[in-house]
C-alpha atoms as a PDB file:
ATOM      1  CA  MET A   1     -43.450   8.399 -72.176  1.00  0.00           C
ATOM      2  CA  VAL A   2     -47.212   8.266 -72.729  1.00  0.00           C
ATOM      3  CA  ASP A   3     -49.661   6.084 -71.028  1.00  0.00           C
ATOM      4  CA  GLU A   4     -51.401   3.649 -73.230  1.00  0.00           C
ATOM      5  CA  GLY A   5     -54.819   5.162 -72.495  1.00  0.00           C
ATOM      6  CA  GLU A   6     -53.842   8.716 -73.475  1.00  0.00           C
ATOM      7  CA  THR A   7     -54.025  10.315 -76.974  1.00  0.00           C
ATOM      8  CA  ASN A   8     -50.862  12.114 -78.240  1.00  0.00           C
ATOM      9  CA  VAL A   9     -51.966  15.621 -79.487  1.00  0.00           C
ATOM     10  CA  THR A  10     -49.621  17.767 -81.500  1.00  0.00           C
ATOM     11  CA  PRO A  11     -50.151  21.552 -80.956  1.00  0.00           C
ATOM     12  CA  ASP A  12     -50.884  23.757 -83.841  1.00  0.00           C
ATOM     13  CA  ALA A  13     -48.018  25.680 -85.264  1.00  0.00           C
ATOM     14  CA  GLN A  14     -47.756  29.250 -83.806  1.00  0.00           C
ATOM     15  CA  SER A  15     -47.994  32.190 -86.139  1.00  0.00           C
ATOM     16  CA  PRO A  16     -45.195  34.851 -86.278  1.00  0.00           C
ATOM     17  CA  MET A  17     -47.402  37.538 -84.819  1.00  0.00           C
ATOM     18  CA  ASP A  18     -48.316  35.349 -81.930  1.00  0.00           C
ATOM     19  CA  ALA A  19     -44.650  34.627 -81.384  1.00  0.00           C
ATOM     20  CA  ILE A  20     -43.782  38.338 -81.444  1.00  0.00           C
ATOM     21  CA  GLU A  21     -46.626  39.168 -79.096  1.00  0.00           C
ATOM     22  CA  GLN A  22     -45.556  36.374 -76.800  1.00  0.00           C
ATOM     23  CA  ALA A  23     -41.986  37.617 -76.883  1.00  0.00           C
ATOM     24  CA  MET A  24     -43.050  41.175 -76.085  1.00  0.00           C
ATOM     25  CA  HIS A  25     -45.202  39.863 -73.302  1.00  0.00           C
ATOM     26  CA  ASP A  26     -42.237  37.963 -71.927  1.00  0.00           C
ATOM     27  CA  ILE A  27     -40.034  41.078 -72.225  1.00  0.00           C
ATOM     28  CA  VAL A  28     -42.562  43.151 -70.300  1.00  0.00           C
ATOM     29  CA  SER A  29     -42.787  40.473 -67.641  1.00  0.00           C
ATOM     30  CA  LEU A  30     -39.002  40.336 -67.427  1.00  0.00           C
ATOM     31  CA  HIS A  31     -38.870  44.120 -67.218  1.00  0.00           C
ATOM     32  CA  ARG A  32     -41.395  44.178 -64.420  1.00  0.00           C
ATOM     33  CA  LEU A  33     -39.497  41.421 -62.661  1.00  0.00           C
ATOM     34  CA  THR A  34     -36.273  43.332 -63.127  1.00  0.00           C
ATOM     35  CA  VAL A  35     -37.845  46.530 -61.789  1.00  0.00           C
ATOM     36  CA  ASN A  36     -39.192  44.665 -58.791  1.00  0.00           C
ATOM     37  CA  GLN A  37     -35.835  43.054 -58.192  1.00  0.00           C
ATOM     38  CA  LEU A  38     -34.127  46.423 -58.518  1.00  0.00           C
ATOM     39  CA  GLY A  39     -36.605  47.882 -55.983  1.00  0.00           C
ATOM     40  CA  ASP A  40     -35.876  45.042 -53.639  1.00  0.00           C
ATOM     41  CA  LEU A  41     -32.163  45.548 -54.211  1.00  0.00           C
ATOM     42  CA  ILE A  42     -32.495  49.265 -53.485  1.00  0.00           C
ATOM     43  CA  ARG A  43     -34.383  48.539 -50.282  1.00  0.00           C
ATOM     44  CA  VAL A  44     -31.783  45.985 -49.271  1.00  0.00           C
ATOM     45  CA  GLN A  45     -29.045  48.478 -50.093  1.00  0.00           C
ATOM     46  CA  ARG A  46     -30.843  51.143 -48.070  1.00  0.00           C
ATOM     47  CA  ASP A  47     -31.188  48.756 -45.102  1.00  0.00           C
ATOM     48  CA  THR A  48     -27.574  47.768 -45.511  1.00  0.00           C
ATOM     49  CA  THR A  49     -26.571  51.422 -45.563  1.00  0.00           C
ATOM     50  CA  ASP A  50     -28.531  52.042 -42.353  1.00  0.00           C
ATOM     51  CA  GLN A  51     -26.954  49.017 -40.764  1.00  0.00           C
ATOM     52  CA  LEU A  52     -23.528  50.149 -41.887  1.00  0.00           C
ATOM     53  CA  GLN A  53     -24.198  53.593 -40.429  1.00  0.00           C
ATOM     54  CA  ALA A  54     -25.320  51.978 -37.162  1.00  0.00           C
ATOM     55  CA  VAL A  55     -22.219  49.792 -37.176  1.00  0.00           C
ATOM     56  CA  SER A  56     -20.107  52.865 -37.946  1.00  0.00           C
ATOM     57  CA  GLU A  57     -21.685  54.758 -35.040  1.00  0.00           C
ATOM     58  CA  ALA A  58     -21.150  51.777 -32.772  1.00  0.00           C
ATOM     59  CA  MET A  59     -17.535  51.562 -33.922  1.00  0.00           C
ATOM     60  CA  ARG A  60     -17.170  55.275 -33.300  1.00  0.00           C
ATOM     61  CA  GLN A  61     -18.522  54.830 -29.749  1.00  0.00           C
ATOM     62  CA  VAL A  62     -16.269  51.830 -29.242  1.00  0.00           C
ATOM     63  CA  GLY A  63     -13.346  53.897 -30.433  1.00  0.00           C
ATOM     64  CA  SER A  64     -14.303  56.657 -28.019  1.00  0.00           C
ATOM     65  CA  LEU A  65     -14.521  54.108 -25.223  1.00  0.00           C
ATOM     66  CA  PHE A  66     -11.132  52.733 -26.177  1.00  0.00           C
ATOM     67  CA  ARG A  67      -9.710  56.258 -26.113  1.00  0.00           C
ATOM     68  CA  ASP A  68     -11.253  56.847 -22.673  1.00  0.00           C
ATOM     69  CA  MET A  69      -9.855  53.531 -21.491  1.00  0.00           C
ATOM     70  CA  ALA A  70      -6.468  54.461 -22.882  1.00  0.00           C
ATOM     71  CA  ASN A  71      -6.594  57.830 -21.101  1.00  0.00           C
ATOM     72  CA  ALA A  72      -7.707  56.165 -17.868  1.00  0.00           C
ATOM     73  CA  GLN A  73      -4.949  53.593 -18.207  1.00  0.00           C
ATOM     74  CA  ALA A  74      -2.487  56.410 -18.767  1.00  0.00           C
ATOM     75  CA  ARG A  75      -3.682  58.135 -15.615  1.00  0.00           C
ATOM     76  CA  VAL A  76      -3.444  54.841 -13.712  1.00  0.00           C
ATOM     77  CA  ASN A  77       0.064  54.369 -15.037  1.00  0.00           C
ATOM     78  CA  ASP A  78       0.973  57.894 -13.933  1.00  0.00           C
ATOM     79  CA  ALA A  79      -0.495  57.214 -10.483  1.00  0.00           C
ATOM     80  CA  LEU A  80       1.403  53.919 -10.248  1.00  0.00           C
ATOM     81  CA  ILE A  81       4.612  55.657 -11.249  1.00  0.00           C
ATOM     82  CA  ALA A  82       4.010  58.390  -8.636  1.00  0.00           C
ATOM     83  CA  LEU A  83       3.207  55.754  -5.999  1.00  0.00           C
ATOM     84  CA  SER A  84       6.319  53.821  -6.896  1.00  0.00           C
ATOM     85  CA  THR A  85       8.361  57.004  -6.570  1.00  0.00           C
ATOM     86  CA  GLN A  86       6.808  57.756  -3.179  1.00  0.00           C
ATOM     87  CA  LEU A  87       7.463  54.193  -2.017  1.00  0.00           C
ATOM     88  CA  GLU A  88      11.070  54.518  -3.070  1.00  0.00           C
ATOM     89  CA  ARG A  89      11.339  57.789  -1.163  1.00  0.00           C
ATOM     90  CA  MET A  90       9.626  56.224   1.859  1.00  0.00           C
ATOM     91  CA  THR A  91      12.068  53.351   1.697  1.00  0.00           C
ATOM     92  CA  GLU A  92      14.921  55.818   1.646  1.00  0.00           C
ATOM     93  CA  VAL A  93      13.394  57.735   4.568  1.00  0.00           C
ATOM     94  CA  ASP A  94      12.747  54.469   6.430  1.00  0.00           C
ATOM     95  CA  ASP A  95      16.351  53.427   5.944  1.00  0.00           C
ATOM     96  CA  ALA A  96      17.504  56.837   7.148  1.00  0.00           C
ATOM     97  CA  THR A  97      15.159  56.622  10.137  1.00  0.00           C
ATOM     98  CA  LYS A  98      16.397  53.152  11.029  1.00  0.00           C
ATOM     99  CA  GLN A  99      19.953  54.392  10.813  1.00  0.00           C
ATOM    100  CA  ALA A 100      19.150  57.412  13.005  1.00  0.00           C
ATOM    101  CA  ILE A 101      17.404  55.188  15.563  1.00  0.00           C
ATOM    102  CA  LYS A 102      20.348  52.806  15.578  1.00  0.00           C
ATOM    103  CA  GLU A 103      22.732  55.701  16.156  1.00  0.00           C
ATOM    104  CA  LEU A 104      20.477  57.035  18.914  1.00  0.00           C
ATOM    105  CA  ILE A 105      20.377  53.608  20.589  1.00  0.00           C
ATOM    106  CA  ASP A 106      24.149  53.367  20.336  1.00  0.00           C
ATOM    107  CA  ARG A 107      24.569  56.798  21.915  1.00  0.00           C
ATOM    108  CA  PHE A 108      22.031  55.916  24.612  1.00  0.00           C
ATOM    109  CA  GLN A 109      23.858  52.679  25.405  1.00  0.00           C
ATOM    110  CA  GLN A 110      27.090  54.597  25.618  1.00  0.00           C
ATOM    111  CA  ALA A 111      25.432  57.098  27.947  1.00  0.00           C
ATOM    112  CA  VAL A 112      23.812  54.452  30.212  1.00  0.00           C
ATOM    113  CA  PRO A 113      26.616  54.507  32.798  1.00  0.00           C
ATOM    114  CA  GLN A 114      26.448  58.294  32.967  1.00  0.00           C
ATOM    115  CA  LEU A 115      22.653  58.149  33.203  1.00  0.00           C
ATOM    116  CA  ASP A 116      22.866  55.607  36.021  1.00  0.00           C
ATOM    117  CA  GLN A 117      25.286  57.871  37.823  1.00  0.00           C
ATOM    118  CA  LEU A 118      23.036  60.864  37.240  1.00  0.00           C
ATOM    119  CA  ALA A 119      19.994  58.877  38.407  1.00  0.00           C
ATOM    120  CA  GLY A 120      21.828  57.993  41.579  1.00  0.00           C
ATOM    121  CA  GLN A 121      22.729  61.624  42.119  1.00  0.00           C
ATOM    122  CA  LEU A 122      19.144  62.716  41.465  1.00  0.00           C
ATOM    123  CA  SER A 123      17.835  60.039  43.812  1.00  0.00           C
ATOM    124  CA  GLY A 124      20.188  61.240  46.500  1.00  0.00           C
ATOM    125  CA  PHE A 125      19.195  64.814  45.786  1.00  0.00           C
ATOM    126  CA  GLY A 126      15.517  63.812  46.015  1.00  0.00           C
ATOM    127  CA  VAL A 127      16.091  62.172  49.389  1.00  0.00           C
ATOM    128  CA  LEU A 128      17.959  65.243  50.574  1.00  0.00           C
ATOM    129  CA  LEU A 129      15.234  67.514  49.239  1.00  0.00           C
ATOM    130  CA  ARG A 130      12.537  65.507  51.038  1.00  0.00           C
ATOM    131  CA  GLN A 131      14.570  65.694  54.217  1.00  0.00           C
ATOM    132  CA  LEU A 132      14.913  69.440  53.790  1.00  0.00           C
ATOM    133  CA  VAL A 133      11.177  69.798  53.188  1.00  0.00           C
ATOM    134  CA  ARG A 134      10.371  67.721  56.263  1.00  0.00           C
ATOM    135  CA  GLU A 135      12.861  69.690  58.322  1.00  0.00           C
ATOM    136  CA  GLN A 136      11.458  72.967  57.035  1.00  0.00           C
ATOM    137  CA  GLU A 137       7.931  71.772  57.874  1.00  0.00           C
ATOM    138  CA  ARG A 138       9.094  70.718  61.328  1.00  0.00           C
ATOM    139  CA  LEU A 139      10.715  74.086  61.959  1.00  0.00           C
ATOM    140  CA  ILE A 140       7.642  75.959  60.724  1.00  0.00           C
ATOM    141  CA  LEU A 141       5.365  73.816  62.878  1.00  0.00           C
ATOM    142  CA  SER A 142       7.675  74.251  65.872  1.00  0.00           C
ATOM    143  CA  ALA A 143       7.622  78.019  65.441  1.00  0.00           C
ATOM    144  CA  PHE A 144       3.835  77.889  65.042  1.00  0.00           C
ATOM    145  CA  ARG A 145       3.535  75.841  68.238  1.00  0.00           C
ATOM    146  CA  GLN A 146       5.787  78.194  70.197  1.00  0.00           C
ATOM    147  CA  ASP A 147       3.812  81.196  68.999  1.00  0.00           C
ATOM    148  CA  LEU A 148       0.570  79.392  69.871  1.00  0.00           C
ATOM    149  CA  GLU A 149       1.776  78.576  73.382  1.00  0.00           C
ATOM    150  CA  ARG A 150       2.608  82.233  73.865  1.00  0.00           C
ATOM    151  CA  ARG A 151      -0.849  83.281  72.626  1.00  0.00           C
ATOM    152  CA  LEU A 152      -2.931  80.756  74.594  1.00  0.00           C
ATOM    153  CA  PRO A 153      -3.699  83.160  77.485  1.00  0.00           C
ATOM    154  CA  THR A 154      -4.983  85.744  75.007  1.00  0.00           C
ATOM    155  CA  LEU A 155      -7.171  83.193  73.239  1.00  0.00           C
ATOM    156  CA  PHE A 156      -8.839  81.766  76.377  1.00  0.00           C
ATOM    157  CA  CYS A 157      -8.735  84.559  78.979  1.00  0.00           C
ATOM    158  CA  ARG A 158     -12.288  85.731  78.264  1.00  0.00           C
ATOM    159  CA  TYR A 159     -13.660  82.219  78.843  1.00  0.00           C
ATOM    160  CA  LEU A 160     -11.443  80.812  81.635  1.00  0.00           C
ATOM    161  CA  ALA A 161     -10.167  82.141  84.932  1.00  0.00           C
ATOM    162  CA  SER A 162      -7.068  80.899  86.771  1.00  0.00           C
ATOM    163  CA  LEU A 163      -5.531  79.947  83.463  1.00  0.00           C
ATOM    164  CA  ARG A 164      -2.783  77.331  83.257  1.00  0.00           C
ATOM    165  CA  TRP A 165      -1.189  76.023  80.091  1.00  0.00           C
ATOM    166  CA  GLY A 166       1.782  74.045  78.841  1.00  0.00           C
ATOM    167  CA  VAL A 167       2.768  70.660  77.494  1.00  0.00           C
ATOM    168  CA  PRO A 168       0.955  67.615  78.949  1.00  0.00           C
ATOM    169  CA  GLY A 169       3.983  66.588  80.975  1.00  0.00           C
ATOM    170  CA  VAL A 170       3.721  69.759  83.056  1.00  0.00           C
ATOM    171  CA  PHE A 171       0.454  68.466  84.564  1.00  0.00           C
ATOM    172  CA  TYR A 172       1.354  64.805  84.734  1.00  0.00           C
ATOM    173  CA  GLU A 173       2.534  64.737  88.363  1.00  0.00           C
ATOM    174  CA  GLU A 174      -0.677  66.195  89.742  1.00  0.00           C
ATOM    175  CA  LEU A 175      -2.853  63.976  87.528  1.00  0.00           C
ATOM    176  CA  ALA A 176      -0.909  60.703  87.663  1.00  0.00           C
ATOM    177  CA  ALA A 177      -2.985  59.381  90.528  1.00  0.00           C
ATOM    178  CA  ARG A 178      -6.221  60.129  88.682  1.00  0.00           C
ATOM    179  CA  LEU A 179      -5.203  58.866  85.263  1.00  0.00           C
ATOM    180  CA  PRO A 180      -5.555  55.121  84.695  1.00  0.00           C
ATOM    181  CA  GLU A 181      -2.958  53.476  82.502  1.00  0.00           C
ATOM    182  CA  SER A 182      -5.442  53.303  79.612  1.00  0.00           C
ATOM    183  CA  ALA A 183      -5.857  57.098  79.668  1.00  0.00           C
ATOM    184  CA  VAL A 184      -2.195  58.104  79.990  1.00  0.00           C
ATOM    185  CA  ASP A 185      -1.455  57.691  76.273  1.00  0.00           C
ATOM    186  CA  PHE A 186      -4.464  59.853  75.389  1.00  0.00           C
ATOM    187  CA  TRP A 187      -3.226  62.552  77.772  1.00  0.00           C
ATOM    188  CA  LEU A 188       0.325  62.545  76.439  1.00  0.00           C
ATOM    189  CA  ALA A 189      -0.847  62.465  72.798  1.00  0.00           C
ATOM    190  CA  ALA A 190      -1.853  66.142  72.908  1.00  0.00           C
ATOM    191  CA  ASP A 191       0.660  68.866  72.049  1.00  0.00           C
ATOM    192  CA  LEU A 192      -0.563  71.450  74.559  1.00  0.00           C
ATOM    193  CA  VAL A 193      -2.990  71.569  77.481  1.00  0.00           C
ATOM    194  CA  VAL A 194      -5.027  74.532  78.678  1.00  0.00           C
ATOM    195  CA  ALA A 195      -6.790  74.428  82.052  1.00  0.00           C
ATOM    196  CA  GLY A 196      -8.936  76.909  83.923  1.00  0.00           C
ATOM    197  CA  ALA A 197     -12.210  77.663  85.663  1.00  0.00           C
ATOM    198  CA  LEU A 198     -15.131  78.580  83.442  1.00  0.00           C
ATOM    199  CA  ARG A 199     -16.347  82.112  83.930  1.00  0.00           C
ATOM    200  CA  GLN A 200     -19.953  80.958  83.418  1.00  0.00           C
ATOM    201  CA  ALA A 201     -21.661  80.593  86.805  1.00  0.00           C
ATOM    202  CA  HIS A 202     -23.713  77.516  85.834  1.00  0.00           C
ATOM    203  CA  ALA A 203     -20.768  75.663  84.310  1.00  0.00           C
ATOM    204  CA  PRO A 204     -18.453  73.179  86.040  1.00  0.00           C
ATOM    205  CA  ALA A 205     -15.677  74.704  88.088  1.00  0.00           C
ATOM    206  CA  TRP A 206     -12.737  73.313  86.121  1.00  0.00           C
ATOM    207  CA  LEU A 207     -12.145  72.640  82.430  1.00  0.00           C
ATOM    208  CA  TRP A 208      -9.375  70.883  80.534  1.00  0.00           C
ATOM    209  CA  ILE A 209      -8.660  71.634  76.853  1.00  0.00           C
ATOM    210  CA  MET A 210      -6.491  69.192  74.883  1.00  0.00           C
ATOM    211  CA  VAL A 211      -4.815  71.011  71.962  1.00  0.00           C
ATOM    212  CA  PHE A 212      -3.458  69.177  68.884  1.00  0.00           C
ATOM    213  CA  VAL A 213      -1.061  71.181  66.674  1.00  0.00           C
ATOM    214  CA  THR A 214      -0.964  70.208  62.986  1.00  0.00           C
ATOM    215  CA  PRO A 215      -0.028  71.729  59.618  1.00  0.00           C
ATOM    216  CA  GLU A 216      -3.317  70.527  58.056  1.00  0.00           C
ATOM    217  CA  ALA A 217      -6.431  69.019  59.628  1.00  0.00           C
ATOM    218  CA  ASP A 218      -8.314  65.997  58.318  1.00  0.00           C
ATOM    219  CA  GLU A 219     -11.151  63.747  59.466  1.00  0.00           C
ATOM    220  CA  ALA A 220      -8.749  61.337  61.162  1.00  0.00           C
ATOM    221  CA  LEU A 221      -7.369  64.095  63.391  1.00  0.00           C
ATOM    222  CA  PHE A 222     -10.871  65.329  64.264  1.00  0.00           C
ATOM    223  CA  ALA A 223     -11.833  61.769  65.229  1.00  0.00           C
ATOM    224  CA  ARG A 224      -8.693  61.369  67.378  1.00  0.00           C
ATOM    225  CA  ALA A 225      -9.317  64.686  69.148  1.00  0.00           C
ATOM    226  CA  SER A 226     -12.925  63.679  69.921  1.00  0.00           C
ATOM    227  CA  ALA A 227     -11.827  60.257  71.198  1.00  0.00           C
ATOM    228  CA  THR A 228      -9.239  61.900  73.480  1.00  0.00           C
ATOM    229  CA  ALA A 229     -11.858  64.229  74.966  1.00  0.00           C
ATOM    230  CA  MET A 230     -14.283  61.365  75.606  1.00  0.00           C
ATOM    231  CA  VAL A 231     -11.708  59.077  77.264  1.00  0.00           C
ATOM    232  CA  LEU A 232     -10.210  61.812  79.457  1.00  0.00           C
ATOM    233  CA  GLY A 233     -13.648  63.277  80.208  1.00  0.00           C
ATOM    234  CA  ASP A 234     -14.627  60.055  81.956  1.00  0.00           C
ATOM    235  CA  VAL A 235     -11.630  60.522  84.276  1.00  0.00           C
ATOM    236  CA  LEU A 236     -11.084  64.262  84.689  1.00  0.00           C
ATOM    237  CA  GLY A 237     -14.550  65.707  84.224  1.00  0.00           C
ATOM    238  CA  THR A 238     -15.112  68.224  81.468  1.00  0.00           C
ATOM    239  CA  VAL A 239     -12.565  67.971  78.640  1.00  0.00           C
ATOM    240  CA  LEU A 240     -12.758  69.879  75.339  1.00  0.00           C
ATOM    241  CA  PRO A 241     -10.830  68.910  72.191  1.00  0.00           C
ATOM    242  CA  ALA A 242      -9.048  71.642  70.230  1.00  0.00           C
ATOM    243  CA  ILE A 243      -7.067  71.672  66.998  1.00  0.00           C
ATOM    244  CA  ALA A 244      -4.543  74.374  66.102  1.00  0.00           C
ATOM    245  CA  VAL A 245      -3.949  74.249  62.346  1.00  0.00           C
ATOM    246  CA  LEU A 246      -1.310  76.065  60.323  1.00  0.00           C
ATOM    247  CA  ARG A 247      -3.160  75.814  56.994  1.00  0.00           C
ATOM    248  CA  PRO A 248      -6.869  75.653  57.856  1.00  0.00           C
ATOM    249  CA  GLY A 249      -8.494  75.134  54.453  1.00  0.00           C
ATOM    250  CA  ASP A 250     -12.054  73.981  55.183  1.00  0.00           C
ATOM    251  CA  ALA A 251     -11.203  72.882  58.738  1.00  0.00           C
ATOM    252  CA  VAL A 252     -13.250  75.693  60.317  1.00  0.00           C
ATOM    253  CA  GLY A 253     -16.507  74.332  58.936  1.00  0.00           C
ATOM    254  CA  MET A 254     -15.610  70.792  59.979  1.00  0.00           C
ATOM    255  CA  ALA A 255     -14.784  71.936  63.508  1.00  0.00           C
ATOM    256  CA  LEU A 256     -17.993  73.918  63.931  1.00  0.00           C
ATOM    257  CA  SER A 257     -20.113  70.981  62.749  1.00  0.00           C
ATOM    258  CA  GLN A 258     -18.416  68.564  65.178  1.00  0.00           C
ATOM    259  CA  GLY A 259     -18.214  70.833  68.230  1.00  0.00           C
ATOM    260  CA  ILE A 260     -14.417  70.928  68.272  1.00  0.00           C
ATOM    261  CA  LEU A 261     -12.420  74.066  69.047  1.00  0.00           C
ATOM    262  CA  LEU A 262     -10.268  75.290  66.166  1.00  0.00           C
ATOM    263  CA  ILE A 263      -7.392  77.757  66.352  1.00  0.00           C
ATOM    264  CA  ALA A 264      -6.450  79.180  62.942  1.00  0.00           C
ATOM    265  CA  ASP A 265      -4.815  82.445  61.876  1.00  0.00           C
ATOM    266  CA  GLY A 266      -4.582  83.523  65.515  1.00  0.00           C
ATOM    267  CA  VAL A 267      -8.364  83.206  66.081  1.00  0.00           C
ATOM    268  CA  LEU A 268     -10.306  80.771  68.293  1.00  0.00           C
ATOM    269  CA  HIS A 269     -13.358  79.308  66.524  1.00  0.00           C
ATOM    270  CA  GLY A 270     -16.275  77.235  67.778  1.00  0.00           C
ATOM    271  CA  TRP A 271     -16.372  78.023  71.525  1.00  0.00           C
ATOM    272  CA  GLU A 272     -20.171  78.027  71.740  1.00  0.00           C
ATOM    273  CA  GLN A 273     -20.455  74.846  69.644  1.00  0.00           C
ATOM    274  CA  ALA A 274     -17.891  73.033  71.807  1.00  0.00           C
ATOM    275  CA  ILE A 275     -19.587  74.122  75.055  1.00  0.00           C
ATOM    276  CA  ALA A 276     -22.944  72.973  73.670  1.00  0.00           C
ATOM    277  CA  ARG A 277     -21.576  69.538  72.799  1.00  0.00           C
ATOM    278  CA  TRP A 278     -19.262  68.744  75.688  1.00  0.00           C
ATOM    279  CA  ILE A 279     -20.933  70.542  78.605  1.00  0.00           C
ATOM    280  CA  ALA A 280     -24.572  71.309  77.861  1.00  0.00           C
ATOM    281  CA  GLU A 281     -25.204  67.883  76.305  1.00  0.00           C
ATOM    282  CA  GLY A 282     -22.711  66.026  78.493  1.00  0.00           C
END
């Protein structure tokens, strides 16, 4: 359709040579286009090949990972199987243990009457054994006291003249008038009494020594001996406390520090310390 204002021009007819030249020109253009397209196709193919190689490598790595996962899963399965086996064995052992404990409890329950009887026998034996130990201790202490009473003159002869000794009751008659009721128990609490005149010229004429016999000495006994000497000293004059101990331990040091006479292993300890406390200071 042509606008009314335009002129319709008919082109000149093309010559054969021009047509051939135009055709060759078109062929060359098509060839160049084809070459360019082939180059593009080759580049695309090359990129595709690289991508395929990358995908192949990735697939290879994925396959390796899957193999590792499969191996790990296999090891986990082996561990689970081993654990299951161990649990089964533990269950068997637990059942066996429970059965053994039940049998042990049954045997123990069956043996309870015999055990009660045996416990009663052992308890009675323990009581008897304690009685025997106490009796043995009493006999040993009695023998120690008798030997001490026999040795008293030897222990005190160098310090006292006109020696007298014995149990407190031996002197009670002559001292009853001088002892108030509050002092009698202190006098009778001693195991032995030694009396005599001091050989020192400046010392008081008469001295009383209250002896306590014990298997072992402790602070309580030292305190009781000191209290006895103080109470009786207010009534009788000069009174010294003494402790005769069967097993002295560290009693010698305690006696020396407190000015109390101590008789141990057949030896009299602390005479000077006792004189210094009860006579020189008193």
